[in-house]
Amino acid sequence: MSQVQNLIPARITSPGQILKRELDARGWTQKDLAEILGRPQQEVDEIIKGAKQITPETAIELAEAFGTSPDLWNNLEADYRL
């Protein structure tokens, strides 16, 4: 058996999954984040489900809400979509 056949594909984590973990770690609900961002809760839900992409504007808002950089969220989105 060759080395290639033994490889296990990497699991790709969506930005929404990471966002959900961040919410859980802080004890925030989707509604809480929606209020912080000034956006509809449905939009947060769609990002978490992967139905809506994180735009540069949203990346800036998430960075402000979580104390991270916008690049973090932009890169997570770009890597996931690739």
PDB file of N, CA and C in Angstrom:
ATOM      1  N   MET A   1       0.849  -1.189   0.000  1.00  0.00           N
ATOM      2  CA  MET A   1       0.000   0.000   0.000  1.00  0.00           C
ATOM      3  C   MET A   1       0.890   1.247   0.000  1.00  0.00           C
ATOM      4  N   SER A   2       0.605   2.176  -0.873  1.00  0.00           N
ATOM      5  CA  SER A   2       1.434   3.375  -0.955  1.00  0.00           C
ATOM      6  C   SER A   2       1.044   4.384   0.114  1.00  0.00           C
ATOM      7  N   GLN A   3       1.933   5.319   0.321  1.00  0.00           N
ATOM      8  CA  GLN A   3       1.706   6.386   1.307  1.00  0.00           C
ATOM      9  C   GLN A   3       0.450   7.190   0.976  1.00  0.00           C
ATOM     10  N   VAL A   4       0.201   7.437  -0.301  1.00  0.00           N
ATOM     11  CA  VAL A   4      -0.944   8.252  -0.713  1.00  0.00           C
ATOM     12  C   VAL A   4      -2.251   7.604  -0.272  1.00  0.00           C
ATOM     13  N   GLN A   5      -2.334   6.303  -0.351  1.00  0.00           N
ATOM     14  CA  GLN A   5      -3.560   5.614   0.029  1.00  0.00           C
ATOM     15  C   GLN A   5      -3.823   5.693   1.540  1.00  0.00           C
ATOM     16  N   ASN A   6      -2.805   5.964   2.320  1.00  0.00           N
ATOM     17  CA  ASN A   6      -2.954   6.056   3.774  1.00  0.00           C
ATOM     18  C   ASN A   6      -3.322   7.455   4.250  1.00  0.00           C
ATOM     19  N   LEU A   7      -3.325   8.410   3.353  1.00  0.00           N
ATOM     20  CA  LEU A   7      -3.626   9.783   3.740  1.00  0.00           C
ATOM     21  C   LEU A   7      -5.103   9.935   4.080  1.00  0.00           C
ATOM     22  N   ILE A   8      -5.353  10.710   5.093  1.00  0.00           N
ATOM     23  CA  ILE A   8      -6.723  11.025   5.493  1.00  0.00           C
ATOM     24  C   ILE A   8      -6.976  12.481   5.125  1.00  0.00           C
ATOM     25  N   PRO A   9      -8.034  12.768   4.392  1.00  0.00           N
ATOM     26  CA  PRO A   9      -8.296  14.154   4.003  1.00  0.00           C
ATOM     27  C   PRO A   9      -8.512  15.050   5.225  1.00  0.00           C
ATOM     28  N   ALA A  10      -8.046  16.258   5.112  1.00  0.00           N
ATOM     29  CA  ALA A  10      -8.226  17.234   6.190  1.00  0.00           C
ATOM     30  C   ALA A  10      -9.693  17.620   6.294  1.00  0.00           C
ATOM     31  N   ARG A  11     -10.140  17.816   7.516  1.00  0.00           N
ATOM     32  CA  ARG A  11     -11.506  18.309   7.715  1.00  0.00           C
ATOM     33  C   ARG A  11     -11.486  19.817   7.577  1.00  0.00           C
ATOM     34  N   ILE A  12     -12.365  20.310   6.774  1.00  0.00           N
ATOM     35  CA  ILE A  12     -12.453  21.748   6.566  1.00  0.00           C
ATOM     36  C   ILE A  12     -13.505  22.303   7.516  1.00  0.00           C
ATOM     37  N   THR A  13     -13.092  23.286   8.285  1.00  0.00           N
ATOM     38  CA  THR A  13     -14.009  23.920   9.227  1.00  0.00           C
ATOM     39  C   THR A  13     -14.503  25.215   8.614  1.00  0.00           C
ATOM     40  N   SER A  14     -15.800  25.376   8.578  1.00  0.00           N
ATOM     41  CA  SER A  14     -16.361  26.599   7.996  1.00  0.00           C
ATOM     42  C   SER A  14     -16.215  27.755   8.985  1.00  0.00           C
ATOM     43  N   PRO A  15     -16.185  28.974   8.457  1.00  0.00           N
ATOM     44  CA  PRO A  15     -16.156  30.135   9.343  1.00  0.00           C
ATOM     45  C   PRO A  15     -17.353  30.144  10.285  1.00  0.00           C
ATOM     46  N   GLY A  16     -18.483  29.638   9.801  1.00  0.00           N
ATOM     47  CA  GLY A  16     -19.679  29.583  10.639  1.00  0.00           C
ATOM     48  C   GLY A  16     -19.505  28.681  11.847  1.00  0.00           C
ATOM     49  N   GLN A  17     -18.797  27.560  11.665  1.00  0.00           N
ATOM     50  CA  GLN A  17     -18.537  26.662  12.787  1.00  0.00           C
ATOM     51  C   GLN A  17     -17.641  27.341  13.819  1.00  0.00           C
ATOM     52  N   ILE A  18     -16.662  28.067  13.347  1.00  0.00           N
ATOM     53  CA  ILE A  18     -15.773  28.787  14.252  1.00  0.00           C
ATOM     54  C   ILE A  18     -16.546  29.896  14.959  1.00  0.00           C
ATOM     55  N   LEU A  19     -17.392  30.583  14.218  1.00  0.00           N
ATOM     56  CA  LEU A  19     -18.233  31.622  14.812  1.00  0.00           C
ATOM     57  C   LEU A  19     -19.119  31.028  15.905  1.00  0.00           C
ATOM     58  N   LYS A  20     -19.709  29.879  15.640  1.00  0.00           N
ATOM     59  CA  LYS A  20     -20.555  29.215  16.630  1.00  0.00           C
ATOM     60  C   LYS A  20     -19.761  28.869  17.886  1.00  0.00           C
ATOM     61  N   ARG A  21     -18.553  28.375  17.713  1.00  0.00           N
ATOM     62  CA  ARG A  21     -17.693  28.066  18.870  1.00  0.00           C
ATOM     63  C   ARG A  21     -17.379  29.316  19.685  1.00  0.00           C
ATOM     64  N   GLU A  22     -17.145  30.416  18.990  1.00  0.00           N
ATOM     65  CA  GLU A  22     -16.861  31.677  19.685  1.00  0.00           C
ATOM     66  C   GLU A  22     -18.078  32.138  20.484  1.00  0.00           C
ATOM     67  N   LEU A  23     -19.250  31.997  19.899  1.00  0.00           N
ATOM     68  CA  LEU A  23     -20.475  32.353  20.620  1.00  0.00           C
ATOM     69  C   LEU A  23     -20.620  31.487  21.870  1.00  0.00           C
ATOM     70  N   ASP A  24     -20.448  30.182  21.699  1.00  0.00           N
ATOM     71  CA  ASP A  24     -20.588  29.253  22.823  1.00  0.00           C
ATOM     72  C   ASP A  24     -19.577  29.558  23.931  1.00  0.00           C
ATOM     73  N   ALA A  25     -18.348  29.867  23.534  1.00  0.00           N
ATOM     74  CA  ALA A  25     -17.298  30.155  24.518  1.00  0.00           C
ATOM     75  C   ALA A  25     -17.627  31.388  25.358  1.00  0.00           C
ATOM     76  N   ARG A  26     -18.358  32.319  24.772  1.00  0.00           N
ATOM     77  CA  ARG A  26     -18.721  33.558  25.480  1.00  0.00           C
ATOM     78  C   ARG A  26     -20.097  33.483  26.134  1.00  0.00           C
ATOM     79  N   GLY A  27     -20.816  32.412  25.856  1.00  0.00           N
ATOM     80  CA  GLY A  27     -22.168  32.298  26.384  1.00  0.00           C
ATOM     81  C   GLY A  27     -23.147  33.218  25.676  1.00  0.00           C
ATOM     82  N   TRP A  28     -22.817  33.575  24.419  1.00  0.00           N
ATOM     83  CA  TRP A  28     -23.673  34.451  23.630  1.00  0.00           C
ATOM     84  C   TRP A  28     -24.599  33.603  22.762  1.00  0.00           C
ATOM     85  N   THR A  29     -25.747  34.154  22.466  1.00  0.00           N
ATOM     86  CA  THR A  29     -26.660  33.536  21.516  1.00  0.00           C
ATOM     87  C   THR A  29     -26.479  34.217  20.155  1.00  0.00           C
ATOM     88  N   GLN A  30     -27.092  33.637  19.146  1.00  0.00           N
ATOM     89  CA  GLN A  30     -27.086  34.286  17.834  1.00  0.00           C
ATOM     90  C   GLN A  30     -27.788  35.634  17.921  1.00  0.00           C
ATOM     91  N   LYS A  31     -28.814  35.693  18.731  1.00  0.00           N
ATOM     92  CA  LYS A  31     -29.541  36.954  18.920  1.00  0.00           C
ATOM     93  C   LYS A  31     -28.623  38.006  19.539  1.00  0.00           C
ATOM     94  N   ASP A  32     -27.822  37.599  20.526  1.00  0.00           N
ATOM     95  CA  ASP A  32     -26.876  38.533  21.143  1.00  0.00           C
ATOM     96  C   ASP A  32     -25.930  39.109  20.096  1.00  0.00           C
ATOM     97  N   LEU A  33     -25.356  38.237  19.271  1.00  0.00           N
ATOM     98  CA  LEU A  33     -24.414  38.712  18.250  1.00  0.00           C
ATOM     99  C   LEU A  33     -25.121  39.601  17.235  1.00  0.00           C
ATOM    100  N   ALA A  34     -26.311  39.228  16.845  1.00  0.00           N
ATOM    101  CA  ALA A  34     -27.065  40.046  15.889  1.00  0.00           C
ATOM    102  C   ALA A  34     -27.266  41.456  16.441  1.00  0.00           C
ATOM    103  N   GLU A  35     -27.583  41.549  17.717  1.00  0.00           N
ATOM    104  CA  GLU A  35     -27.773  42.865  18.330  1.00  0.00           C
ATOM    105  C   GLU A  35     -26.464  43.643  18.379  1.00  0.00           C
ATOM    106  N   ILE A  36     -25.369  42.968  18.706  1.00  0.00           N
ATOM    107  CA  ILE A  36     -24.056  43.630  18.737  1.00  0.00           C
ATOM    108  C   ILE A  36     -23.685  44.151  17.351  1.00  0.00           C
ATOM    109  N   LEU A  37     -23.957  43.336  16.328  1.00  0.00           N
ATOM    110  CA  LEU A  37     -23.609  43.720  14.957  1.00  0.00           C
ATOM    111  C   LEU A  37     -24.614  44.688  14.344  1.00  0.00           C
ATOM    112  N   GLY A  38     -25.814  44.771  14.950  1.00  0.00           N
ATOM    113  CA  GLY A  38     -26.862  45.606  14.370  1.00  0.00           C
ATOM    114  C   GLY A  38     -27.421  45.003  13.094  1.00  0.00           C
ATOM    115  N   ARG A  39     -27.484  43.673  13.072  1.00  0.00           N
ATOM    116  CA  ARG A  39     -27.971  42.956  11.899  1.00  0.00           C
ATOM    117  C   ARG A  39     -29.080  42.012  12.311  1.00  0.00           C
ATOM    118  N   PRO A  40     -29.862  41.548  11.349  1.00  0.00           N
ATOM    119  CA  PRO A  40     -30.920  40.590  11.680  1.00  0.00           C
ATOM    120  C   PRO A  40     -30.327  39.261  12.163  1.00  0.00           C
ATOM    121  N   GLN A  41     -31.022  38.627  13.088  1.00  0.00           N
ATOM    122  CA  GLN A  41     -30.574  37.336  13.599  1.00  0.00           C
ATOM    123  C   GLN A  41     -30.489  36.308  12.474  1.00  0.00           C
ATOM    124  N   GLN A  42     -31.380  36.393  11.509  1.00  0.00           N
ATOM    125  CA  GLN A  42     -31.374  35.455  10.376  1.00  0.00           C
ATOM    126  C   GLN A  42     -30.036  35.506   9.640  1.00  0.00           C
ATOM    127  N   GLU A  43     -29.446  36.685   9.536  1.00  0.00           N
ATOM    128  CA  GLU A  43     -28.168  36.822   8.845  1.00  0.00           C
ATOM    129  C   GLU A  43     -27.063  36.076   9.600  1.00  0.00           C
ATOM    130  N   VAL A  44     -27.058  36.210  10.921  1.00  0.00           N
ATOM    131  CA  VAL A  44     -26.080  35.487  11.738  1.00  0.00           C
ATOM    132  C   VAL A  44     -26.288  33.982  11.571  1.00  0.00           C
ATOM    133  N   ASP A  45     -27.528  33.547  11.597  1.00  0.00           N
ATOM    134  CA  ASP A  45     -27.851  32.134  11.424  1.00  0.00           C
ATOM    135  C   ASP A  45     -27.357  31.625  10.069  1.00  0.00           C
ATOM    136  N   GLU A  46     -27.540  32.410   9.027  1.00  0.00           N
ATOM    137  CA  GLU A  46     -27.112  32.007   7.685  1.00  0.00           C
ATOM    138  C   GLU A  46     -25.588  31.901   7.594  1.00  0.00           C
ATOM    139  N   ILE A  47     -24.878  32.792   8.278  1.00  0.00           N
ATOM    140  CA  ILE A  47     -23.411  32.712   8.294  1.00  0.00           C
ATOM    141  C   ILE A  47     -22.986  31.434   9.011  1.00  0.00           C
ATOM    142  N   ILE A  48     -23.603  31.165  10.150  1.00  0.00           N
ATOM    143  CA  ILE A  48     -23.254  29.966  10.912  1.00  0.00           C
ATOM    144  C   ILE A  48     -23.533  28.704  10.101  1.00  0.00           C
ATOM    145  N   LYS A  49     -24.616  28.686   9.361  1.00  0.00           N
ATOM    146  CA  LYS A  49     -24.964  27.514   8.542  1.00  0.00           C
ATOM    147  C   LYS A  49     -24.147  27.429   7.251  1.00  0.00           C
ATOM    148  N   GLY A  50     -23.407  28.477   6.920  1.00  0.00           N
ATOM    149  CA  GLY A  50     -22.615  28.484   5.701  1.00  0.00           C
ATOM    150  C   GLY A  50     -23.384  28.915   4.478  1.00  0.00           C
ATOM    151  N   ALA A  51     -24.613  29.369   4.666  1.00  0.00           N
ATOM    152  CA  ALA A  51     -25.443  29.800   3.540  1.00  0.00           C
ATOM    153  C   ALA A  51     -25.100  31.219   3.096  1.00  0.00           C
ATOM    154  N   LYS A  52     -24.471  31.976   3.980  1.00  0.00           N
ATOM    155  CA  LYS A  52     -24.101  33.362   3.670  1.00  0.00           C
ATOM    156  C   LYS A  52     -22.612  33.533   3.947  1.00  0.00           C
ATOM    157  N   GLN A  53     -21.933  34.168   3.016  1.00  0.00           N
ATOM    158  CA  GLN A  53     -20.502  34.399   3.165  1.00  0.00           C
ATOM    159  C   GLN A  53     -20.235  35.579   4.096  1.00  0.00           C
ATOM    160  N   ILE A  54     -19.055  35.559   4.687  1.00  0.00           N
ATOM    161  CA  ILE A  54     -18.601  36.688   5.487  1.00  0.00           C
ATOM    162  C   ILE A  54     -17.974  37.694   4.527  1.00  0.00           C
ATOM    163  N   THR A  55     -18.593  38.846   4.428  1.00  0.00           N
ATOM    164  CA  THR A  55     -18.091  39.908   3.557  1.00  0.00           C
ATOM    165  C   THR A  55     -17.006  40.694   4.298  1.00  0.00           C
ATOM    166  N   PRO A  56     -16.227  41.503   3.586  1.00  0.00           N
ATOM    167  CA  PRO A  56     -15.246  42.331   4.277  1.00  0.00           C
ATOM    168  C   PRO A  56     -15.879  43.222   5.361  1.00  0.00           C
ATOM    169  N   GLU A  57     -17.043  43.761   5.080  1.00  0.00           N
ATOM    170  CA  GLU A  57     -17.737  44.595   6.073  1.00  0.00           C
ATOM    171  C   GLU A  57     -18.099  43.772   7.314  1.00  0.00           C
ATOM    172  N   THR A  58     -18.615  42.580   7.095  1.00  0.00           N
ATOM    173  CA  THR A  58     -18.968  41.704   8.210  1.00  0.00           C
ATOM    174  C   THR A  58     -17.717  41.289   8.976  1.00  0.00           C
ATOM    175  N   ALA A  59     -16.615  41.055   8.274  1.00  0.00           N
ATOM    176  CA  ALA A  59     -15.355  40.690   8.925  1.00  0.00           C
ATOM    177  C   ALA A  59     -14.906  41.795   9.886  1.00  0.00           C
ATOM    178  N   ILE A  60     -15.071  43.035   9.477  1.00  0.00           N
ATOM    179  CA  ILE A  60     -14.712  44.164  10.345  1.00  0.00           C
ATOM    180  C   ILE A  60     -15.598  44.174  11.584  1.00  0.00           C
ATOM    181  N   GLU A  61     -16.878  43.960  11.390  1.00  0.00           N
ATOM    182  CA  GLU A  61     -17.816  43.971  12.520  1.00  0.00           C
ATOM    183  C   GLU A  61     -17.567  42.801  13.468  1.00  0.00           C
ATOM    184  N   LEU A  62     -17.281  41.617  12.917  1.00  0.00           N
ATOM    185  CA  LEU A  62     -16.974  40.466  13.766  1.00  0.00           C
ATOM    186  C   LEU A  62     -15.683  40.696  14.547  1.00  0.00           C
ATOM    187  N   ALA A  63     -14.703  41.293  13.888  1.00  0.00           N
ATOM    188  CA  ALA A  63     -13.440  41.588  14.560  1.00  0.00           C
ATOM    189  C   ALA A  63     -13.660  42.527  15.751  1.00  0.00           C
ATOM    190  N   GLU A  64     -14.490  43.522  15.564  1.00  0.00           N
ATOM    191  CA  GLU A  64     -14.788  44.450  16.658  1.00  0.00           C
ATOM    192  C   GLU A  64     -15.534  43.746  17.782  1.00  0.00           C
ATOM    193  N   ALA A  65     -16.465  42.870  17.424  1.00  0.00           N
ATOM    194  CA  ALA A  65     -17.268  42.167  18.422  1.00  0.00           C
ATOM    195  C   ALA A  65     -16.433  41.175  19.230  1.00  0.00           C
ATOM    196  N   PHE A  66     -15.481  40.504  18.578  1.00  0.00           N
ATOM    197  CA  PHE A  66     -14.715  39.445  19.243  1.00  0.00           C
ATOM    198  C   PHE A  66     -13.303  39.855  19.642  1.00  0.00           C
ATOM    199  N   GLY A  67     -12.900  41.065  19.295  1.00  0.00           N
ATOM    200  CA  GLY A  67     -11.551  41.500  19.649  1.00  0.00           C
ATOM    201  C   GLY A  67     -10.481  40.791  18.833  1.00  0.00           C
ATOM    202  N   THR A  68     -10.797  40.532  17.574  1.00  0.00           N
ATOM    203  CA  THR A  68      -9.845  39.879  16.669  1.00  0.00           C
ATOM    204  C   THR A  68      -9.535  40.847  15.531  1.00  0.00           C
ATOM    205  N   SER A  69      -8.880  40.336  14.510  1.00  0.00           N
ATOM    206  CA  SER A  69      -8.610  41.175  13.342  1.00  0.00           C
ATOM    207  C   SER A  69      -9.604  40.820  12.234  1.00  0.00           C
ATOM    208  N   PRO A  70      -9.923  41.785  11.386  1.00  0.00           N
ATOM    209  CA  PRO A  70     -10.777  41.482  10.229  1.00  0.00           C
ATOM    210  C   PRO A  70     -10.138  40.431   9.324  1.00  0.00           C
ATOM    211  N   ASP A  71      -8.791  40.440   9.258  1.00  0.00           N
ATOM    212  CA  ASP A  71      -8.090  39.467   8.418  1.00  0.00           C
ATOM    213  C   ASP A  71      -8.396  38.034   8.837  1.00  0.00           C
ATOM    214  N   LEU A  72      -8.562  37.807  10.123  1.00  0.00           N
ATOM    215  CA  LEU A  72      -8.893  36.466  10.596  1.00  0.00           C
ATOM    216  C   LEU A  72     -10.153  35.958   9.906  1.00  0.00           C
ATOM    217  N   TRP A  73     -11.205  36.758   9.954  1.00  0.00           N
ATOM    218  CA  TRP A  73     -12.489  36.350   9.383  1.00  0.00           C
ATOM    219  C   TRP A  73     -12.449  36.305   7.863  1.00  0.00           C
ATOM    220  N   ASN A  74     -11.762  37.269   7.240  1.00  0.00           N
ATOM    221  CA  ASN A  74     -11.616  37.260   5.779  1.00  0.00           C
ATOM    222  C   ASN A  74     -10.866  36.015   5.324  1.00  0.00           C
ATOM    223  N   ASN A  75      -9.788  35.680   6.023  1.00  0.00           N
ATOM    224  CA  ASN A  75      -8.984  34.517   5.643  1.00  0.00           C
ATOM    225  C   ASN A  75      -9.737  33.214   5.865  1.00  0.00           C
ATOM    226  N   LEU A  76     -10.475  33.117   6.962  1.00  0.00           N
ATOM    227  CA  LEU A  76     -11.275  31.920   7.203  1.00  0.00           C
ATOM    228  C   LEU A  76     -12.276  31.713   6.062  1.00  0.00           C
ATOM    229  N   GLU A  77     -12.918  32.794   5.670  1.00  0.00           N
ATOM    230  CA  GLU A  77     -13.899  32.718   4.579  1.00  0.00           C
ATOM    231  C   GLU A  77     -13.225  32.328   3.266  1.00  0.00           C
ATOM    232  N   ALA A  78     -12.134  33.002   2.946  1.00  0.00           N
ATOM    233  CA  ALA A  78     -11.436  32.725   1.679  1.00  0.00           C
ATOM    234  C   ALA A  78     -10.939  31.282   1.635  1.00  0.00           C
ATOM    235  N   ASP A  79     -10.327  30.822   2.719  1.00  0.00           N
ATOM    236  CA  ASP A  79      -9.823  29.455   2.761  1.00  0.00           C
ATOM    237  C   ASP A  79     -10.956  28.440   2.627  1.00  0.00           C
ATOM    238  N   TYR A  80     -12.062  28.700   3.268  1.00  0.00           N
ATOM    239  CA  TYR A  80     -13.196  27.783   3.207  1.00  0.00           C
ATOM    240  C   TYR A  80     -13.770  27.710   1.794  1.00  0.00           C
ATOM    241  N   ARG A  81     -13.908  28.846   1.153  1.00  0.00           N
ATOM    242  CA  ARG A  81     -14.503  28.873  -0.192  1.00  0.00           C
ATOM    243  C   ARG A  81     -13.574  28.265  -1.240  1.00  0.00           C
ATOM    244  N   LEU A  82     -12.267  28.322  -1.001  1.00  0.00           N
ATOM    245  CA  LEU A  82     -11.330  27.703  -1.952  1.00  0.00           C
ATOM    246  C   LEU A  82     -11.466  26.204  -1.905  1.00  0.00           C
TER     247      LEU A  82
END
